[in-house]
Amino acid sequence: MIPKRLRGNVCFINLSWWFMPVFTRLSLLILIAVFSFPGYAQGLDVRTVLDTLVHSYGGESNLQKLDSMVQEWDMVALMRKTHGTDTRSIQAPDKLRVDLSYPEKSETRILNGDIGHVIFEGKSPERVSGMQLIAMQLQIMRLYSPLMLRNKIDSVSLIEKGGLLALSLVENGVHVYYMVNKDKWLIEKVAGTIIMNGGEIQFLTEYSDFSVVEGVLMHHKENKFAAGMNTAILQLRKVTFDVKFDASRFRP
């Protein structure tokens, strides 16, 4: 049962398929109930966790480079059984452009604040709303660095249950969890669930292959899941920091 204060067009995480190998269904129900209420933690506090993550990822001055960057990824789209590229232009805190290219098609997604557009095959831009817009907002939240999360500390909650540690952030009706490996102090999974008009889609992205680039610890591999299905595997080819974007970059 979702608490009344959290109902509506909000994204929630459903952990039943994520931790199934570890927990019984009864344990999962308890865990979901705990994760539904921000602020539950044992022994740690949000500031300490975020400060530790900022240090682990390279420190504040290095992480500021991520506020304006371009990531270029090679992608295997598992559902389509095809290869492609995923180029992301990010300008914190709320601008994102994603250029997807496949042998047979191309797609561009642009988020500028609370306005989103998609462009298919270079055609006229189409403004999006509802689930499509929420999915874009979820994507930029997934890209937040530990420093970006610390800058939003008033909206971040910490959940610690047994060996699990998660940072919880709700923004624009989107609820995202950042799962932290406490041994390595890395964010290794980011998850959320879009619930809208009676339907839901669960999202999970796994991060791995971490290495330092110009003083910043970055994951170089992403494994994406939607509705429990493995949809794509991506490998980072290049990242450019401190990019000076033209304003038109985030206009359709």
C-alpha atoms as a PDB file:
ATOM      1  CA  MET A   1       0.000   0.000   0.000  1.00  0.00           C
ATOM      2  CA  ILE A   2       1.489   3.337  -1.060  1.00  0.00           C
ATOM      3  CA  PRO A   3       0.986   6.025   1.618  1.00  0.00           C
ATOM      4  CA  LYS A   4      -1.583   8.664   0.643  1.00  0.00           C
ATOM      5  CA  ARG A   5       1.021  11.426   0.824  1.00  0.00           C
ATOM      6  CA  LEU A   6       3.032   9.684  -1.912  1.00  0.00           C
ATOM      7  CA  ARG A   7       0.248   8.725  -4.304  1.00  0.00           C
ATOM      8  CA  GLY A   8      -0.285  10.276  -7.714  1.00  0.00           C
ATOM      9  CA  ASN A   9       1.985  10.553 -10.710  1.00  0.00           C
ATOM     10  CA  VAL A  10       5.052   9.591  -8.735  1.00  0.00           C
ATOM     11  CA  CYS A  11       7.902   7.173  -9.416  1.00  0.00           C
ATOM     12  CA  PHE A  12       8.498   4.451  -6.817  1.00  0.00           C
ATOM     13  CA  ILE A  13      10.898   1.581  -6.674  1.00  0.00           C
ATOM     14  CA  ASN A  14       9.596  -1.962  -6.520  1.00  0.00           C
ATOM     15  CA  LEU A  15      12.376  -4.063  -4.989  1.00  0.00           C
ATOM     16  CA  SER A  16      10.748  -7.461  -5.415  1.00  0.00           C
ATOM     17  CA  TRP A  17      12.603  -8.324  -8.639  1.00  0.00           C
ATOM     18  CA  TRP A  18      15.830  -6.545  -7.635  1.00  0.00           C
ATOM     19  CA  PHE A  19      16.677  -8.433  -4.440  1.00  0.00           C
ATOM     20  CA  MET A  20      14.762 -11.662  -5.042  1.00  0.00           C
ATOM     21  CA  PRO A  21      17.862 -13.877  -4.680  1.00  0.00           C
ATOM     22  CA  VAL A  22      18.519 -12.434  -1.203  1.00  0.00           C
ATOM     23  CA  PHE A  23      15.172 -11.926   0.482  1.00  0.00           C
ATOM     24  CA  THR A  24      11.998 -13.900   0.994  1.00  0.00           C
ATOM     25  CA  ARG A  25       8.759 -12.294  -0.144  1.00  0.00           C
ATOM     26  CA  LEU A  26       7.901 -11.439   3.457  1.00  0.00           C
ATOM     27  CA  SER A  27      11.269  -9.747   3.921  1.00  0.00           C
ATOM     28  CA  LEU A  28      10.686  -7.818   0.708  1.00  0.00           C
ATOM     29  CA  LEU A  29       7.351  -6.523   1.933  1.00  0.00           C
ATOM     30  CA  ILE A  30       9.026  -5.270   5.102  1.00  0.00           C
ATOM     31  CA  LEU A  31      11.889  -3.738   3.104  1.00  0.00           C
ATOM     32  CA  ILE A  32       9.540  -1.959   0.697  1.00  0.00           C
ATOM     33  CA  ALA A  33       7.588  -0.569   3.638  1.00  0.00           C
ATOM     34  CA  VAL A  34      10.809   0.730   5.204  1.00  0.00           C
ATOM     35  CA  PHE A  35      12.014   2.231   1.908  1.00  0.00           C
ATOM     36  CA  SER A  36       8.703   4.042   1.476  1.00  0.00           C
ATOM     37  CA  PHE A  37       9.413   6.338   4.420  1.00  0.00           C
ATOM     38  CA  PRO A  38      12.404   8.685   3.989  1.00  0.00           C
ATOM     39  CA  GLY A  39      14.762   9.270   6.885  1.00  0.00           C
ATOM     40  CA  TYR A  40      15.080   5.698   8.176  1.00  0.00           C
ATOM     41  CA  ALA A  41      18.738   4.972   8.885  1.00  0.00           C
ATOM     42  CA  GLN A  42      20.907   3.111  11.368  1.00  0.00           C
ATOM     43  CA  GLY A  43      24.190   4.646  12.493  1.00  0.00           C
ATOM     44  CA  LEU A  44      24.887   6.810   9.430  1.00  0.00           C
ATOM     45  CA  ASP A  45      23.601  10.193   8.345  1.00  0.00           C
ATOM     46  CA  VAL A  46      23.032  11.673   4.897  1.00  0.00           C
ATOM     47  CA  ARG A  47      25.827  14.243   5.167  1.00  0.00           C
ATOM     48  CA  THR A  48      28.420  11.649   6.183  1.00  0.00           C
ATOM     49  CA  VAL A  49      27.462   9.307   3.348  1.00  0.00           C
ATOM     50  CA  LEU A  50      27.487  12.069   0.732  1.00  0.00           C
ATOM     51  CA  ASP A  51      30.783  13.521   1.988  1.00  0.00           C
ATOM     52  CA  THR A  52      32.344  10.058   1.840  1.00  0.00           C
ATOM     53  CA  LEU A  53      31.054   9.499  -1.705  1.00  0.00           C
ATOM     54  CA  VAL A  54      32.296  12.904  -2.865  1.00  0.00           C
ATOM     55  CA  HIS A  55      35.762  12.043  -1.538  1.00  0.00           C
ATOM     56  CA  SER A  56      35.658   8.543  -3.066  1.00  0.00           C
ATOM     57  CA  TYR A  57      34.761   9.913  -6.507  1.00  0.00           C
ATOM     58  CA  GLY A  58      37.576  12.462  -6.596  1.00  0.00           C
ATOM     59  CA  GLY A  59      36.636  15.379  -4.366  1.00  0.00           C
ATOM     60  CA  GLU A  60      34.536  18.487  -4.837  1.00  0.00           C
ATOM     61  CA  SER A  61      36.794  20.336  -7.287  1.00  0.00           C
ATOM     62  CA  ASN A  62      37.009  17.335  -9.599  1.00  0.00           C
ATOM     63  CA  LEU A  63      33.312  16.500  -9.417  1.00  0.00           C
ATOM     64  CA  GLN A  64      32.409  20.041 -10.451  1.00  0.00           C
ATOM     65  CA  LYS A  65      33.662  19.023 -13.910  1.00  0.00           C
ATOM     66  CA  LEU A  66      30.588  16.802 -14.240  1.00  0.00           C
ATOM     67  CA  ASP A  67      28.213  19.770 -14.097  1.00  0.00           C
ATOM     68  CA  SER A  68      28.788  20.329 -17.815  1.00  0.00           C
ATOM     69  CA  MET A  69      29.977  17.346 -19.822  1.00  0.00           C
ATOM     70  CA  VAL A  70      29.489  15.100 -22.840  1.00  0.00           C
ATOM     71  CA  GLN A  71      29.534  11.318 -22.541  1.00  0.00           C
ATOM     72  CA  GLU A  72      29.920   9.148 -25.640  1.00  0.00           C
ATOM     73  CA  TRP A  73      28.830   5.536 -25.278  1.00  0.00           C
ATOM     74  CA  ASP A  74      28.896   2.475 -27.517  1.00  0.00           C
ATOM     75  CA  MET A  75      25.660   0.576 -27.055  1.00  0.00           C
ATOM     76  CA  VAL A  76      24.283  -2.891 -27.657  1.00  0.00           C
ATOM     77  CA  ALA A  77      20.482  -2.739 -27.819  1.00  0.00           C
ATOM     78  CA  LEU A  78      19.603  -6.246 -26.691  1.00  0.00           C
ATOM     79  CA  MET A  79      15.923  -6.131 -27.658  1.00  0.00           C
ATOM     80  CA  ARG A  80      16.746  -4.985 -31.193  1.00  0.00           C
ATOM     81  CA  LYS A  81      19.913  -7.078 -31.373  1.00  0.00           C
ATOM     82  CA  THR A  82      21.769  -4.171 -32.880  1.00  0.00           C
ATOM     83  CA  HIS A  83      24.674  -1.863 -32.094  1.00  0.00           C
ATOM     84  CA  GLY A  84      24.458   1.898 -31.784  1.00  0.00           C
ATOM     85  CA  THR A  85      25.767   4.970 -29.994  1.00  0.00           C
ATOM     86  CA  ASP A  86      24.424   7.049 -27.121  1.00  0.00           C
ATOM     87  CA  THR A  87      25.789  10.604 -26.788  1.00  0.00           C
ATOM     88  CA  ARG A  88      24.702  12.524 -23.703  1.00  0.00           C
ATOM     89  CA  SER A  89      25.137  16.252 -23.173  1.00  0.00           C
ATOM     90  CA  ILE A  90      24.540  17.177 -19.533  1.00  0.00           C
ATOM     91  CA  GLN A  91      24.337  20.623 -17.997  1.00  0.00           C
ATOM     92  CA  ALA A  92      23.448  20.448 -14.330  1.00  0.00           C
ATOM     93  CA  PRO A  93      21.031  20.613 -12.797  1.00  0.00           C
ATOM     94  CA  ASP A  94      18.223  20.181 -15.312  1.00  0.00           C
ATOM     95  CA  LYS A  95      19.399  20.113 -18.936  1.00  0.00           C
ATOM     96  CA  LEU A  96      19.977  16.906 -20.872  1.00  0.00           C
ATOM     97  CA  ARG A  97      20.312  16.018 -24.527  1.00  0.00           C
ATOM     98  CA  VAL A  98      20.543  12.382 -25.612  1.00  0.00           C
ATOM     99  CA  ASP A  99      21.394  11.532 -29.227  1.00  0.00           C
ATOM    100  CA  LEU A 100      20.730   7.882 -30.060  1.00  0.00           C
ATOM    101  CA  SER A 101      21.977   6.475 -33.332  1.00  0.00           C
ATOM    102  CA  TYR A 102      21.297   3.020 -34.776  1.00  0.00           C
ATOM    103  CA  PRO A 103      22.027   1.679 -38.258  1.00  0.00           C
ATOM    104  CA  GLU A 104      18.358   2.021 -39.200  1.00  0.00           C
ATOM    105  CA  LYS A 105      17.174   5.012 -37.162  1.00  0.00           C
ATOM    106  CA  SER A 106      18.086   7.980 -34.991  1.00  0.00           C
ATOM    107  CA  GLU A 107      16.400   9.689 -32.074  1.00  0.00           C
ATOM    108  CA  THR A 108      17.137  12.810 -30.029  1.00  0.00           C
ATOM    109  CA  ARG A 109      15.693  13.535 -26.601  1.00  0.00           C
ATOM    110  CA  ILE A 110      15.983  17.002 -25.097  1.00  0.00           C
ATOM    111  CA  LEU A 111      15.097  17.982 -21.540  1.00  0.00           C
ATOM    112  CA  ASN A 112      15.270  21.631 -20.524  1.00  0.00           C
ATOM    113  CA  GLY A 113      13.888  22.088 -17.029  1.00  0.00           C
ATOM    114  CA  ASP A 114      10.353  20.699 -17.053  1.00  0.00           C
ATOM    115  CA  ILE A 115      10.013  20.792 -20.860  1.00  0.00           C
ATOM    116  CA  GLY A 116      10.909  17.813 -23.011  1.00  0.00           C
ATOM    117  CA  HIS A 117      11.041  17.147 -26.743  1.00  0.00           C
ATOM    118  CA  VAL A 118      11.847  14.198 -28.985  1.00  0.00           C
ATOM    119  CA  ILE A 119      13.100  14.304 -32.555  1.00  0.00           C
ATOM    120  CA  PHE A 120      12.862  11.215 -34.764  1.00  0.00           C
ATOM    121  CA  GLU A 121      15.014  10.900 -37.892  1.00  0.00           C
ATOM    122  CA  GLY A 122      15.694  14.643 -37.971  1.00  0.00           C
ATOM    123  CA  LYS A 123      11.984  15.456 -38.313  1.00  0.00           C
ATOM    124  CA  SER A 124      10.142  18.259 -36.547  1.00  0.00           C
ATOM    125  CA  PRO A 125      10.474  18.208 -32.727  1.00  0.00           C
ATOM    126  CA  GLU A 126       7.561  16.810 -30.749  1.00  0.00           C
ATOM    127  CA  ARG A 127       6.896  18.045 -27.240  1.00  0.00           C
ATOM    128  CA  VAL A 128       6.363  15.222 -24.756  1.00  0.00           C
ATOM    129  CA  SER A 129       4.415  14.941 -21.527  1.00  0.00           C
ATOM    130  CA  GLY A 130       3.283  12.299 -19.082  1.00  0.00           C
ATOM    131  CA  MET A 131       5.369   9.151 -18.932  1.00  0.00           C
ATOM    132  CA  GLN A 132       7.769  10.228 -21.692  1.00  0.00           C
ATOM    133  CA  LEU A 133       8.657  13.431 -19.837  1.00  0.00           C
ATOM    134  CA  ILE A 134       8.976  11.584 -16.529  1.00  0.00           C
ATOM    135  CA  ALA A 135      11.328   9.083 -18.179  1.00  0.00           C
ATOM    136  CA  MET A 136      13.594  11.962 -19.263  1.00  0.00           C
ATOM    137  CA  GLN A 137      13.560  13.427 -15.761  1.00  0.00           C
ATOM    138  CA  LEU A 138      14.398  10.005 -14.381  1.00  0.00           C
ATOM    139  CA  GLN A 139      17.352   9.756 -16.753  1.00  0.00           C
ATOM    140  CA  ILE A 140      18.941  13.032 -15.712  1.00  0.00           C
ATOM    141  CA  MET A 141      18.461  12.117 -12.044  1.00  0.00           C
ATOM    142  CA  ARG A 142      20.271   8.854 -12.734  1.00  0.00           C
ATOM    143  CA  LEU A 143      23.249  10.914 -13.934  1.00  0.00           C
ATOM    144  CA  TYR A 144      23.573  12.986 -10.755  1.00  0.00           C
ATOM    145  CA  SER A 145      27.053  12.812  -9.248  1.00  0.00           C
ATOM    146  CA  PRO A 146      27.574  12.533  -5.474  1.00  0.00           C
ATOM    147  CA  LEU A 147      28.322  16.285  -5.444  1.00  0.00           C
ATOM    148  CA  MET A 148      25.061  17.064  -7.242  1.00  0.00           C
ATOM    149  CA  LEU A 149      23.240  14.921  -4.689  1.00  0.00           C
ATOM    150  CA  ARG A 150      24.987  16.724  -1.836  1.00  0.00           C
ATOM    151  CA  ASN A 151      23.874  20.040  -3.310  1.00  0.00           C
ATOM    152  CA  LYS A 152      20.319  18.709  -3.008  1.00  0.00           C
ATOM    153  CA  ILE A 153      20.850  17.344   0.503  1.00  0.00           C
ATOM    154  CA  ASP A 154      17.610  18.813   1.846  1.00  0.00           C
ATOM    155  CA  SER A 155      15.711  16.533  -0.552  1.00  0.00           C
ATOM    156  CA  VAL A 156      17.877  13.435  -0.017  1.00  0.00           C
ATOM    157  CA  SER A 157      17.034  10.747   2.512  1.00  0.00           C
ATOM    158  CA  LEU A 158      19.130   7.839   3.715  1.00  0.00           C
ATOM    159  CA  ILE A 159      17.876   4.311   4.131  1.00  0.00           C
ATOM    160  CA  GLU A 160      19.974   1.666   5.844  1.00  0.00           C
ATOM    161  CA  LYS A 161      18.591  -1.814   6.410  1.00  0.00           C
ATOM    162  CA  GLY A 162      20.950  -4.641   7.237  1.00  0.00           C
ATOM    163  CA  GLY A 163      23.653  -4.613   4.583  1.00  0.00           C
ATOM    164  CA  LEU A 164      21.690  -2.352   2.236  1.00  0.00           C
ATOM    165  CA  LEU A 165      22.339   1.369   1.976  1.00  0.00           C
ATOM    166  CA  ALA A 166      20.424   3.664  -0.340  1.00  0.00           C
ATOM    167  CA  LEU A 167      20.099   7.378  -0.974  1.00  0.00           C
ATOM    168  CA  SER A 168      16.549   8.384  -1.829  1.00  0.00           C
ATOM    169  CA  LEU A 169      15.689  11.481  -3.850  1.00  0.00           C
ATOM    170  CA  VAL A 170      12.270  12.745  -4.936  1.00  0.00           C
ATOM    171  CA  GLU A 171      12.187  15.444  -7.605  1.00  0.00           C
ATOM    172  CA  ASN A 172       9.338  16.608  -9.822  1.00  0.00           C
ATOM    173  CA  GLY A 173       7.297  13.621  -8.709  1.00  0.00           C
ATOM    174  CA  VAL A 174      10.102  11.214  -9.645  1.00  0.00           C
ATOM    175  CA  HIS A 175      11.444   8.934  -6.895  1.00  0.00           C
ATOM    176  CA  VAL A 176      14.912   7.453  -7.421  1.00  0.00           C
ATOM    177  CA  TYR A 177      17.151   5.261  -5.250  1.00  0.00           C
ATOM    178  CA  TYR A 178      20.950   5.257  -5.432  1.00  0.00           C
ATOM    179  CA  MET A 179      22.296   1.987  -4.006  1.00  0.00           C
ATOM    180  CA  VAL A 180      25.675   2.392  -2.311  1.00  0.00           C
ATOM    181  CA  ASN A 181      28.358  -0.257  -1.894  1.00  0.00           C
ATOM    182  CA  LYS A 182      29.568   0.518   1.626  1.00  0.00           C
ATOM    183  CA  ASP A 183      32.804  -1.435   1.215  1.00  0.00           C
ATOM    184  CA  LYS A 184      33.973   0.451  -1.876  1.00  0.00           C
ATOM    185  CA  TRP A 185      31.841   3.598  -1.434  1.00  0.00           C
ATOM    186  CA  LEU A 186      30.498   3.463  -4.967  1.00  0.00           C
ATOM    187  CA  ILE A 187      27.005   3.947  -6.352  1.00  0.00           C
ATOM    188  CA  GLU A 188      26.559   0.644  -8.169  1.00  0.00           C
ATOM    189  CA  LYS A 189      22.827   0.675  -8.957  1.00  0.00           C
ATOM    190  CA  VAL A 190      20.205   3.335  -9.606  1.00  0.00           C
ATOM    191  CA  ALA A 191      16.552   2.383  -9.735  1.00  0.00           C
ATOM    192  CA  GLY A 192      13.047   3.782  -9.909  1.00  0.00           C
ATOM    193  CA  THR A 193       9.556   2.890 -11.018  1.00  0.00           C
ATOM    194  CA  ILE A 194       7.244   5.014 -13.102  1.00  0.00           C
ATOM    195  CA  ILE A 195       3.656   4.600 -11.930  1.00  0.00           C
ATOM    196  CA  MET A 196       1.095   6.442 -14.003  1.00  0.00           C
ATOM    197  CA  ASN A 197      -2.533   5.914 -14.921  1.00  0.00           C
ATOM    198  CA  GLY A 198      -2.572   2.483 -13.343  1.00  0.00           C
ATOM    199  CA  GLY A 199       0.511   1.196 -15.177  1.00  0.00           C
ATOM    200  CA  GLU A 200       4.115   0.935 -14.120  1.00  0.00           C
ATOM    201  CA  ILE A 201       7.541   0.428 -15.630  1.00  0.00           C
ATOM    202  CA  GLN A 202      10.468  -0.522 -13.426  1.00  0.00           C
ATOM    203  CA  PHE A 203      13.931   0.751 -14.280  1.00  0.00           C
ATOM    204  CA  LEU A 204      17.311  -0.402 -13.036  1.00  0.00           C
ATOM    205  CA  THR A 205      20.794   0.549 -14.216  1.00  0.00           C
ATOM    206  CA  GLU A 206      23.876  -1.255 -12.935  1.00  0.00           C
ATOM    207  CA  TYR A 207      27.237   0.531 -12.941  1.00  0.00           C
ATOM    208  CA  SER A 208      30.590  -1.245 -13.186  1.00  0.00           C
ATOM    209  CA  ASP A 209      34.119  -1.008 -14.637  1.00  0.00           C
ATOM    210  CA  PHE A 210      35.115   2.013 -12.527  1.00  0.00           C
ATOM    211  CA  SER A 211      38.301   3.933 -13.297  1.00  0.00           C
ATOM    212  CA  VAL A 212      39.644   7.464 -12.884  1.00  0.00           C
ATOM    213  CA  VAL A 213      39.383   9.981 -15.734  1.00  0.00           C
ATOM    214  CA  GLU A 214      41.087  13.358 -15.167  1.00  0.00           C
ATOM    215  CA  GLY A 215      40.738  12.986 -11.411  1.00  0.00           C
ATOM    216  CA  VAL A 216      37.112  11.787 -11.490  1.00  0.00           C
ATOM    217  CA  LEU A 217      36.099   8.221 -10.674  1.00  0.00           C
ATOM    218  CA  MET A 218      33.694   7.161 -13.429  1.00  0.00           C
ATOM    219  CA  HIS A 219      31.852   3.975 -14.234  1.00  0.00           C
ATOM    220  CA  HIS A 220      32.588   2.828 -17.783  1.00  0.00           C
ATOM    221  CA  LYS A 221      29.890   0.203 -18.154  1.00  0.00           C
ATOM    222  CA  GLU A 222      26.112   0.359 -17.784  1.00  0.00           C
ATOM    223  CA  ASN A 223      23.710  -2.555 -17.788  1.00  0.00           C
ATOM    224  CA  LYS A 224      20.114  -1.400 -18.233  1.00  0.00           C
ATOM    225  CA  PHE A 225      16.878  -3.115 -17.305  1.00  0.00           C
ATOM    226  CA  ALA A 226      13.257  -2.076 -17.882  1.00  0.00           C
ATOM    227  CA  ALA A 227      10.276  -4.031 -16.553  1.00  0.00           C
ATOM    228  CA  GLY A 228      12.739  -6.715 -15.432  1.00  0.00           C
ATOM    229  CA  MET A 229      14.152  -7.233 -18.937  1.00  0.00           C
ATOM    230  CA  ASN A 230      17.766  -6.554 -19.853  1.00  0.00           C
ATOM    231  CA  THR A 231      17.448  -3.878 -22.567  1.00  0.00           C
ATOM    232  CA  ALA A 232      20.945  -2.548 -23.233  1.00  0.00           C
ATOM    233  CA  ILE A 233      24.625  -2.736 -22.358  1.00  0.00           C
ATOM    234  CA  LEU A 234      26.768   0.362 -22.805  1.00  0.00           C
ATOM    235  CA  GLN A 235      30.514   0.973 -22.722  1.00  0.00           C
ATOM    236  CA  LEU A 236      31.927   4.456 -22.238  1.00  0.00           C
ATOM    237  CA  ARG A 237      34.152   5.470 -25.147  1.00  0.00           C
ATOM    238  CA  LYS A 238      34.881   9.091 -24.280  1.00  0.00           C
ATOM    239  CA  VAL A 239      33.954  11.766 -21.756  1.00  0.00           C
ATOM    240  CA  THR A 240      34.626  15.499 -22.082  1.00  0.00           C
ATOM    241  CA  PHE A 241      34.411  17.700 -18.987  1.00  0.00           C
ATOM    242  CA  ASP A 242      33.757  21.428 -18.510  1.00  0.00           C
ATOM    243  CA  VAL A 243      32.038  21.762 -21.872  1.00  0.00           C
ATOM    244  CA  LYS A 244      30.884  25.272 -22.834  1.00  0.00           C
ATOM    245  CA  PHE A 245      27.515  24.591 -24.410  1.00  0.00           C
ATOM    246  CA  ASP A 246      25.766  26.948 -26.762  1.00  0.00           C
ATOM    247  CA  ALA A 247      22.232  27.690 -25.544  1.00  0.00           C
ATOM    248  CA  SER A 248      20.846  26.055 -28.667  1.00  0.00           C
ATOM    249  CA  ARG A 249      22.200  22.692 -27.547  1.00  0.00           C
ATOM    250  CA  PHE A 250      19.203  22.215 -25.295  1.00  0.00           C
ATOM    251  CA  ARG A 251      16.620  23.674 -27.639  1.00  0.00           C
ATOM    252  CA  PRO A 252      14.680  21.506 -30.101  1.00  0.00           C
END
